[in-house]
Every structure is written in structure tokens, then in C-alpha cells.
């Protein structure tokens, strides 16, 4: 089955990528994103909050490109596509 939506706006896209030697995963609220390395999601609800979950023995160093600093929570209220590293 193929769905076609003419003139629809899917919303801005967020790309998340792990950088560094640590490990862990990222989740979103509302649900829609859960990844351990690289993933993407379309933001349909604003604000959307991303949460970093560092694995035991790893440390979350911060978000790059989202303006959230070192907090493990990052509330997004964006209108354009963004790419972030964690």
C-alpha cells in the first residue's frame, strides 16, 4: 500500500549520532525515537524532549547543534531540520 499526501508538511527532521568512546541510547517524548548509534525522527509534536541515557561506565558529554548543553534532557521546539551529535 502506498499513501500519498499532496501539500502535507511532515515536520522538521532530527538526526542523532553517537560520537566518542562511550555508549548509551537516546529516547524521545513523545515516543518515536530510540537509538544507540545513529537515528532520525520527524518532529510532529512540539515540544519534543530527547533524553540521553549513558550506559554504566559512560558519561554523557552534551548535545552538539541543539543548544542544550550538557543536560541529559533536551527540549526541542524547532521548525527546521537539525543534526545533533551526542
PDB file of N, CA and C in Angstrom:
ATOM      1  N   UNK A   1       0.836  -1.171   0.000  1.00  0.00           N
ATOM      2  CA  UNK A   1       0.000   0.000   0.000  1.00  0.00           C
ATOM      3  C   UNK A   1       0.884   1.238   0.000  1.00  0.00           C
ATOM      4  N   UNK A   2       0.522   2.225  -0.765  1.00  0.00           N
ATOM      5  CA  UNK A   2       1.252   3.486  -0.834  1.00  0.00           C
ATOM      6  C   UNK A   2       0.296   4.605  -0.484  1.00  0.00           C
ATOM      7  N   UNK A   3       0.724   5.489   0.396  1.00  0.00           N
ATOM      8  CA  UNK A   3      -0.079   6.652   0.757  1.00  0.00           C
ATOM      9  C   UNK A   3       0.576   7.887   0.161  1.00  0.00           C
ATOM     10  N   UNK A   4      -0.231   8.768  -0.380  1.00  0.00           N
ATOM     11  CA  UNK A   4       0.263   9.997  -0.976  1.00  0.00           C
ATOM     12  C   UNK A   4      -0.427  11.171  -0.296  1.00  0.00           C
ATOM     13  N   UNK A   5       0.368  12.137   0.102  1.00  0.00           N
ATOM     14  CA  UNK A   5      -0.170  13.324   0.749  1.00  0.00           C
ATOM     15  C   UNK A   5       0.384  14.535   0.019  1.00  0.00           C
ATOM     16  N   UNK A   6      -0.440  15.202  -0.759  1.00  0.00           N
ATOM     17  CA  UNK A   6      -0.006  16.360  -1.525  1.00  0.00           C
ATOM     18  C   UNK A   6      -0.162  17.599  -0.654  1.00  0.00           C
ATOM     19  N   UNK A   7       0.910  18.358  -0.520  1.00  0.00           N
ATOM     20  CA  UNK A   7       0.863  19.588   0.254  1.00  0.00           C
ATOM     21  C   UNK A   7       0.977  19.389   1.755  1.00  0.00           C
ATOM     22  N   UNK A   8       1.262  18.176   2.201  1.00  0.00           N
ATOM     23  CA  UNK A   8       1.390  17.914   3.638  1.00  0.00           C
ATOM     24  C   UNK A   8       2.785  18.284   4.120  1.00  0.00           C
ATOM     25  N   UNK A   9       2.850  18.772   5.315  1.00  0.00           N
ATOM     26  CA  UNK A   9       4.127  19.053   5.945  1.00  0.00           C
ATOM     27  C   UNK A   9       4.382  17.983   6.995  1.00  0.00           C
ATOM     28  N   UNK A  10       5.444  17.217   6.817  1.00  0.00           N
ATOM     29  CA  UNK A  10       5.762  16.158   7.767  1.00  0.00           C
ATOM     30  C   UNK A  10       6.392  16.702   9.039  1.00  0.00           C
ATOM     31  N   UNK A  11       6.936  17.894   8.995  1.00  0.00           N
ATOM     32  CA  UNK A  11       7.592  18.476  10.151  1.00  0.00           C
ATOM     33  C   UNK A  11       9.095  18.393  10.010  1.00  0.00           C
ATOM     34  N   UNK A  12       9.806  19.119  10.861  1.00  0.00           N
ATOM     35  CA  UNK A  12      11.263  19.103  10.795  1.00  0.00           C
ATOM     36  C   UNK A  12      11.827  17.743  11.188  1.00  0.00           C
ATOM     37  N   UNK A  13      12.999  17.445  10.692  1.00  0.00           N
ATOM     38  CA  UNK A  13      13.654  16.162  10.930  1.00  0.00           C
ATOM     39  C   UNK A  13      14.846  16.375  11.853  1.00  0.00           C
ATOM     40  N   UNK A  14      15.046  15.452  12.791  1.00  0.00           N
ATOM     41  CA  UNK A  14      16.192  15.468  13.702  1.00  0.00           C
ATOM     42  C   UNK A  14      17.010  14.214  13.447  1.00  0.00           C
ATOM     43  N   UNK A  15      18.303  14.382  13.218  1.00  0.00           N
ATOM     44  CA  UNK A  15      19.236  13.276  13.070  1.00  0.00           C
ATOM     45  C   UNK A  15      20.135  13.264  14.301  1.00  0.00           C
ATOM     46  N   UNK A  16      20.272  12.104  14.942  1.00  0.00           N
ATOM     47  CA  UNK A  16      21.099  11.957  16.140  1.00  0.00           C
ATOM     48  C   UNK A  16      22.196  10.948  15.849  1.00  0.00           C
ATOM     49  N   UNK A  17      23.412  11.283  16.269  1.00  0.00           N
ATOM     50  CA  UNK A  17      24.561  10.415  16.009  1.00  0.00           C
ATOM     51  C   UNK A  17      25.448  10.352  17.252  1.00  0.00           C
ATOM     52  N   UNK A  18      25.880   9.151  17.625  1.00  0.00           N
ATOM     53  CA  UNK A  18      26.803   8.956  18.737  1.00  0.00           C
ATOM     54  C   UNK A  18      28.219   9.307  18.297  1.00  0.00           C
ATOM     55  N   UNK A  19      28.902  10.116  19.091  1.00  0.00           N
ATOM     56  CA  UNK A  19      30.318  10.373  18.847  1.00  0.00           C
ATOM     57  C   UNK A  19      31.062  10.113  20.160  1.00  0.00           C
ATOM     58  N   UNK A  20      32.302   9.747  20.068  1.00  0.00           N
ATOM     59  CA  UNK A  20      33.101   9.472  21.262  1.00  0.00           C
ATOM     60  C   UNK A  20      33.190   7.984  21.537  1.00  0.00           C
ATOM     61  N   UNK A  21      33.802   7.669  22.674  1.00  0.00           N
ATOM     62  CA  UNK A  21      34.084   6.279  23.025  1.00  0.00           C
ATOM     63  C   UNK A  21      33.015   5.635  23.895  1.00  0.00           C
ATOM     64  N   UNK A  22      32.116   6.412  24.481  1.00  0.00           N
ATOM     65  CA  UNK A  22      31.106   5.865  25.387  1.00  0.00           C
ATOM     66  C   UNK A  22      29.977   5.174  24.644  1.00  0.00           C
ATOM     67  N   UNK A  23      29.014   4.701  25.427  1.00  0.00           N
ATOM     68  CA  UNK A  23      27.835   4.074  24.831  1.00  0.00           C
ATOM     69  C   UNK A  23      26.608   4.466  25.638  1.00  0.00           C
ATOM     70  N   UNK A  24      25.457   4.164  25.103  1.00  0.00           N
ATOM     71  CA  UNK A  24      24.184   4.507  25.712  1.00  0.00           C
ATOM     72  C   UNK A  24      23.122   4.572  24.629  1.00  0.00           C
ATOM     73  N   UNK A  25      21.996   5.214  24.931  1.00  0.00           N
ATOM     74  CA  UNK A  25      20.953   5.370  23.923  1.00  0.00           C
ATOM     75  C   UNK A  25      20.170   6.653  24.175  1.00  0.00           C
ATOM     76  N   UNK A  26      19.390   7.039  23.174  1.00  0.00           N
ATOM     77  CA  UNK A  26      18.567   8.250  23.202  1.00  0.00           C
ATOM     78  C   UNK A  26      17.109   7.835  23.046  1.00  0.00           C
ATOM     79  N   UNK A  27      16.228   8.466  23.812  1.00  0.00           N
ATOM     80  CA  UNK A  27      14.786   8.269  23.647  1.00  0.00           C
ATOM     81  C   UNK A  27      14.129   9.629  23.477  1.00  0.00           C
ATOM     82  N   UNK A  28      12.875   9.615  23.035  1.00  0.00           N
ATOM     83  CA  UNK A  28      12.134  10.863  22.869  1.00  0.00           C
ATOM     84  C   UNK A  28      10.784  10.775  23.569  1.00  0.00           C
ATOM     85  N   UNK A  29      10.273  11.955  23.904  1.00  0.00           N
ATOM     86  CA  UNK A  29       8.922  12.086  24.453  1.00  0.00           C
ATOM     87  C   UNK A  29       8.261  13.232  23.715  1.00  0.00           C
ATOM     88  N   UNK A  30       7.210  13.032  22.954  1.00  0.00           N
ATOM     89  CA  UNK A  30       6.516  11.767  22.794  1.00  0.00           C
ATOM     90  C   UNK A  30       7.381  10.730  22.087  1.00  0.00           C
ATOM     91  N   UNK A  31       7.001   9.469  22.258  1.00  0.00           N
ATOM     92  CA  UNK A  31       7.755   8.344  21.708  1.00  0.00           C
ATOM     93  C   UNK A  31       7.900   8.469  20.195  1.00  0.00           C
ATOM     94  N   UNK A  32       8.927   7.855  19.674  1.00  0.00           N
ATOM     95  CA  UNK A  32       9.159   7.868  18.238  1.00  0.00           C
ATOM     96  C   UNK A  32      10.622   7.706  17.895  1.00  0.00           C
ATOM     97  N   UNK A  33      11.489   7.954  18.876  1.00  0.00           N
ATOM     98  CA  UNK A  33      12.914   7.841  18.641  1.00  0.00           C
ATOM     99  C   UNK A  33      13.520   7.019  19.766  1.00  0.00           C
ATOM    100  N   UNK A  34      14.263   6.008  19.410  1.00  0.00           N
ATOM    101  CA  UNK A  34      15.074   5.264  20.366  1.00  0.00           C
ATOM    102  C   UNK A  34      16.231   4.689  19.576  1.00  0.00           C
ATOM    103  N   UNK A  35      17.434   5.128  19.918  1.00  0.00           N
ATOM    104  CA  UNK A  35      18.577   4.666  19.143  1.00  0.00           C
ATOM    105  C   UNK A  35      19.820   4.574  19.998  1.00  0.00           C
ATOM    106  N   UNK A  36      20.744   3.747  19.549  1.00  0.00           N
ATOM    107  CA  UNK A  36      22.008   3.567  20.250  1.00  0.00           C
ATOM    108  C   UNK A  36      23.187   4.132  19.447  1.00  0.00           C
ATOM    109  N   UNK A  37      23.061   4.306  18.163  1.00  0.00           N
ATOM    110  CA  UNK A  37      24.166   4.818  17.347  1.00  0.00           C
ATOM    111  C   UNK A  37      23.734   6.026  16.519  1.00  0.00           C
ATOM    112  N   UNK A  38      22.982   5.783  15.470  1.00  0.00           N
ATOM    113  CA  UNK A  38      22.528   6.846  14.576  1.00  0.00           C
ATOM    114  C   UNK A  38      21.056   6.624  14.277  1.00  0.00           C
ATOM    115  N   UNK A  39      20.262   7.680  14.364  1.00  0.00           N
ATOM    116  CA  UNK A  39      18.842   7.544  14.055  1.00  0.00           C
ATOM    117  C   UNK A  39      18.269   8.897  13.689  1.00  0.00           C
ATOM    118  N   UNK A  40      17.048   8.869  13.185  1.00  0.00           N
ATOM    119  CA  UNK A  40      16.359  10.082  12.764  1.00  0.00           C
ATOM    120  C   UNK A  40      14.897   9.995  13.144  1.00  0.00           C
ATOM    121  N   UNK A  41      14.281  11.154  13.305  1.00  0.00           N
ATOM    122  CA  UNK A  41      12.843  11.199  13.510  1.00  0.00           C
ATOM    123  C   UNK A  41      12.307  12.516  12.967  1.00  0.00           C
ATOM    124  N   UNK A  42      11.051  12.504  12.597  1.00  0.00           N
ATOM    125  CA  UNK A  42      10.361  13.710  12.195  1.00  0.00           C
ATOM    126  C   UNK A  42       9.607  14.239  13.404  1.00  0.00           C
ATOM    127  N   UNK A  43       9.806  15.519  13.712  1.00  0.00           N
ATOM    128  CA  UNK A  43       9.154  16.142  14.852  1.00  0.00           C
ATOM    129  C   UNK A  43       7.719  16.496  14.451  1.00  0.00           C
ATOM    130  N   UNK A  44       6.759  15.800  15.043  1.00  0.00           N
ATOM    131  CA  UNK A  44       5.352  16.060  14.743  1.00  0.00           C
ATOM    132  C   UNK A  44       4.667  16.794  15.883  1.00  0.00           C
ATOM    133  N   UNK A  45       5.250  16.726  17.082  1.00  0.00           N
ATOM    134  CA  UNK A  45       4.682  17.360  18.261  1.00  0.00           C
ATOM    135  C   UNK A  45       5.731  18.266  18.875  1.00  0.00           C
ATOM    136  N   UNK A  46       5.340  19.466  19.222  1.00  0.00           N
ATOM    137  CA  UNK A  46       6.275  20.400  19.848  1.00  0.00           C
ATOM    138  C   UNK A  46       5.745  20.774  21.210  1.00  0.00           C
ATOM    139  N   UNK A  47       6.554  20.845  22.242  1.00  0.00           N
ATOM    140  CA  UNK A  47       7.960  20.463  22.181  1.00  0.00           C
ATOM    141  C   UNK A  47       8.141  18.956  22.235  1.00  0.00           C
ATOM    142  N   UNK A  48       9.232  18.505  21.701  1.00  0.00           N
ATOM    143  CA  UNK A  48       9.660  17.109  21.813  1.00  0.00           C
ATOM    144  C   UNK A  48      10.910  17.105  22.682  1.00  0.00           C
ATOM    145  N   UNK A  49      10.969  16.203  23.632  1.00  0.00           N
ATOM    146  CA  UNK A  49      12.124  16.132  24.520  1.00  0.00           C
ATOM    147  C   UNK A  49      12.944  14.894  24.201  1.00  0.00           C
ATOM    148  N   UNK A  50      14.233  15.092  23.949  1.00  0.00           N
ATOM    149  CA  UNK A  50      15.174  13.995  23.781  1.00  0.00           C
ATOM    150  C   UNK A  50      15.869  13.759  25.115  1.00  0.00           C
ATOM    151  N   UNK A  51      16.078  12.498  25.461  1.00  0.00           N
ATOM    152  CA  UNK A  51      16.764  12.160  26.702  1.00  0.00           C
ATOM    153  C   UNK A  51      17.922  11.222  26.407  1.00  0.00           C
ATOM    154  N   UNK A  52      19.110  11.588  26.889  1.00  0.00           N
ATOM    155  CA  UNK A  52      20.290  10.747  26.748  1.00  0.00           C
ATOM    156  C   UNK A  52      20.364   9.815  27.952  1.00  0.00           C
ATOM    157  N   UNK A  53      20.627   8.543  27.687  1.00  0.00           N
ATOM    158  CA  UNK A  53      20.763   7.527  28.730  1.00  0.00           C
ATOM    159  C   UNK A  53      22.148   6.894  28.592  1.00  0.00           C
ATOM    160  N   UNK A  54      23.171   7.460  29.260  1.00  0.00           N
ATOM    161  CA  UNK A  54      24.503   6.862  29.148  1.00  0.00           C
ATOM    162  C   UNK A  54      24.534   5.481  29.799  1.00  0.00           C
ATOM    163  N   UNK A  55      25.279   4.565  29.203  1.00  0.00           N
ATOM    164  CA  UNK A  55      25.442   3.220  29.754  1.00  0.00           C
ATOM    165  C   UNK A  55      26.303   3.296  31.014  1.00  0.00           C
ATOM    166  N   UNK A  56      26.194   2.296  31.894  1.00  0.00           N
ATOM    167  CA  UNK A  56      27.067   2.267  33.072  1.00  0.00           C
ATOM    168  C   UNK A  56      28.531   2.362  32.649  1.00  0.00           C
ATOM    169  N   UNK A  57      29.259   3.233  33.295  1.00  0.00           N
ATOM    170  CA  UNK A  57      30.660   3.438  32.962  1.00  0.00           C
ATOM    171  C   UNK A  57      30.889   4.497  31.895  1.00  0.00           C
ATOM    172  N   UNK A  58      29.811   4.977  31.264  1.00  0.00           N
ATOM    173  CA  UNK A  58      29.915   6.043  30.260  1.00  0.00           C
ATOM    174  C   UNK A  58      29.400   7.341  30.867  1.00  0.00           C
ATOM    175  N   UNK A  59      29.812   8.452  30.287  1.00  0.00           N
ATOM    176  CA  UNK A  59      29.380   9.774  30.743  1.00  0.00           C
ATOM    177  C   UNK A  59      28.824  10.538  29.549  1.00  0.00           C
ATOM    178  N   UNK A  60      27.658  11.144  29.730  1.00  0.00           N
ATOM    179  CA  UNK A  60      27.083  11.974  28.675  1.00  0.00           C
ATOM    180  C   UNK A  60      27.794  13.317  28.679  1.00  0.00           C
ATOM    181  N   UNK A  61      28.381  13.707  27.542  1.00  0.00           N
ATOM    182  CA  UNK A  61      29.166  14.939  27.461  1.00  0.00           C
ATOM    183  C   UNK A  61      28.352  16.129  26.990  1.00  0.00           C
ATOM    184  N   UNK A  62      27.200  15.909  26.359  1.00  0.00           N
ATOM    185  CA  UNK A  62      26.376  17.026  25.904  1.00  0.00           C
ATOM    186  C   UNK A  62      25.893  16.858  24.480  1.00  0.00           C
ATOM    187  N   UNK A  63      25.024  17.773  24.101  1.00  0.00           N
ATOM    188  CA  UNK A  63      24.438  17.801  22.759  1.00  0.00           C
ATOM    189  C   UNK A  63      25.223  18.782  21.903  1.00  0.00           C
ATOM    190  N   UNK A  64      25.412  18.456  20.640  1.00  0.00           N
ATOM    191  CA  UNK A  64      26.062  19.356  19.691  1.00  0.00           C
ATOM    192  C   UNK A  64      25.010  19.774  18.681  1.00  0.00           C
ATOM    193  N   UNK A  65      24.824  21.055  18.499  1.00  0.00           N
ATOM    194  CA  UNK A  65      23.927  21.556  17.472  1.00  0.00           C
ATOM    195  C   UNK A  65      22.497  21.798  17.917  1.00  0.00           C
ATOM    196  N   UNK A  66      22.165  21.566  19.188  1.00  0.00           N
ATOM    197  CA  UNK A  66      20.792  21.765  19.641  1.00  0.00           C
ATOM    198  C   UNK A  66      20.666  22.853  20.703  1.00  0.00           C
ATOM    199  N   UNK A  67      21.774  23.352  21.221  1.00  0.00           N
ATOM    200  CA  UNK A  67      21.720  24.397  22.227  1.00  0.00           C
ATOM    201  C   UNK A  67      21.262  23.916  23.594  1.00  0.00           C
ATOM    202  N   UNK A  68      21.438  22.633  23.889  1.00  0.00           N
ATOM    203  CA  UNK A  68      21.001  22.078  25.173  1.00  0.00           C
ATOM    204  C   UNK A  68      22.144  21.835  26.135  1.00  0.00           C
ATOM    205  N   UNK A  69      23.355  22.082  25.724  1.00  0.00           N
ATOM    206  CA  UNK A  69      24.493  21.931  26.608  1.00  0.00           C
ATOM    207  C   UNK A  69      24.704  20.508  27.076  1.00  0.00           C
ATOM    208  N   UNK A  70      25.056  20.359  28.354  1.00  0.00           N
ATOM    209  CA  UNK A  70      25.401  19.055  28.913  1.00  0.00           C
ATOM    210  C   UNK A  70      24.245  18.359  29.604  1.00  0.00           C
ATOM    211  N   UNK A  71      23.080  18.953  29.638  1.00  0.00           N
ATOM    212  CA  UNK A  71      21.923  18.323  30.261  1.00  0.00           C
ATOM    213  C   UNK A  71      21.533  17.065  29.492  1.00  0.00           C
ATOM    214  N   UNK A  72      21.139  16.027  30.213  1.00  0.00           N
ATOM    215  CA  UNK A  72      20.704  14.795  29.535  1.00  0.00           C
ATOM    216  C   UNK A  72      19.346  14.972  28.870  1.00  0.00           C
ATOM    217  N   UNK A  73      18.587  15.996  29.270  1.00  0.00           N
ATOM    218  CA  UNK A  73      17.296  16.312  28.640  1.00  0.00           C
ATOM    219  C   UNK A  73      17.476  17.464  27.679  1.00  0.00           C
ATOM    220  N   UNK A  74      16.835  17.371  26.522  1.00  0.00           N
ATOM    221  CA  UNK A  74      16.893  18.437  25.526  1.00  0.00           C
ATOM    222  C   UNK A  74      15.502  18.645  24.949  1.00  0.00           C
ATOM    223  N   UNK A  75      14.865  19.758  25.298  1.00  0.00           N
ATOM    224  CA  UNK A  75      13.520  20.065  24.797  1.00  0.00           C
ATOM    225  C   UNK A  75      13.642  20.782  23.458  1.00  0.00           C
ATOM    226  N   UNK A  76      13.045  20.200  22.420  1.00  0.00           N
ATOM    227  CA  UNK A  76      13.108  20.762  21.070  1.00  0.00           C
ATOM    228  C   UNK A  76      11.808  21.461  20.736  1.00  0.00           C
ATOM    229  N   UNK A  77      11.929  22.651  20.233  1.00  0.00           N
ATOM    230  CA  UNK A  77      10.781  23.374  19.717  1.00  0.00           C
ATOM    231  C   UNK A  77      11.250  24.005  18.417  1.00  0.00           C
ATOM    232  N   UNK A  78      11.524  23.148  17.437  1.00  0.00           N
ATOM    233  CA  UNK A  78      12.205  23.566  16.213  1.00  0.00           C
ATOM    234  C   UNK A  78      11.263  23.571  15.025  1.00  0.00           C
ATOM    235  N   UNK A  79      11.647  24.318  14.005  1.00  0.00           N
ATOM    236  CA  UNK A  79      10.867  24.371  12.781  1.00  0.00           C
ATOM    237  C   UNK A  79      11.678  23.966  11.563  1.00  0.00           C
ATOM    238  N   UNK A  80      12.998  23.783  11.721  1.00  0.00           N
ATOM    239  CA  UNK A  80      13.870  23.406  10.616  1.00  0.00           C
ATOM    240  C   UNK A  80      14.587  22.098  10.947  1.00  0.00           C
ATOM    241  N   UNK A  81      15.028  21.368   9.937  1.00  0.00           N
ATOM    242  CA  UNK A  81      15.782  20.139  10.135  1.00  0.00           C
ATOM    243  C   UNK A  81      17.070  20.440  10.900  1.00  0.00           C
ATOM    244  N   UNK A  82      17.452  19.534  11.796  1.00  0.00           N
ATOM    245  CA  UNK A  82      18.691  19.689  12.549  1.00  0.00           C
ATOM    246  C   UNK A  82      19.412  18.365  12.613  1.00  0.00           C
ATOM    247  N   UNK A  83      20.712  18.434  12.855  1.00  0.00           N
ATOM    248  CA  UNK A  83      21.533  17.253  13.057  1.00  0.00           C
ATOM    249  C   UNK A  83      22.250  17.439  14.379  1.00  0.00           C
ATOM    250  N   UNK A  84      22.218  16.443  15.229  1.00  0.00           N
ATOM    251  CA  UNK A  84      22.862  16.525  16.530  1.00  0.00           C
ATOM    252  C   UNK A  84      23.766  15.338  16.753  1.00  0.00           C
ATOM    253  N   UNK A  85      24.805  15.580  17.495  1.00  0.00           N
ATOM    254  CA  UNK A  85      25.679  14.506  17.948  1.00  0.00           C
ATOM    255  C   UNK A  85      25.583  14.455  19.456  1.00  0.00           C
ATOM    256  N   UNK A  86      25.779  13.286  20.014  1.00  0.00           N
ATOM    257  CA  UNK A  86      25.768  13.164  21.473  1.00  0.00           C
ATOM    258  C   UNK A  86      27.000  12.432  21.919  1.00  0.00           C
TER     259      UNK A  86
END
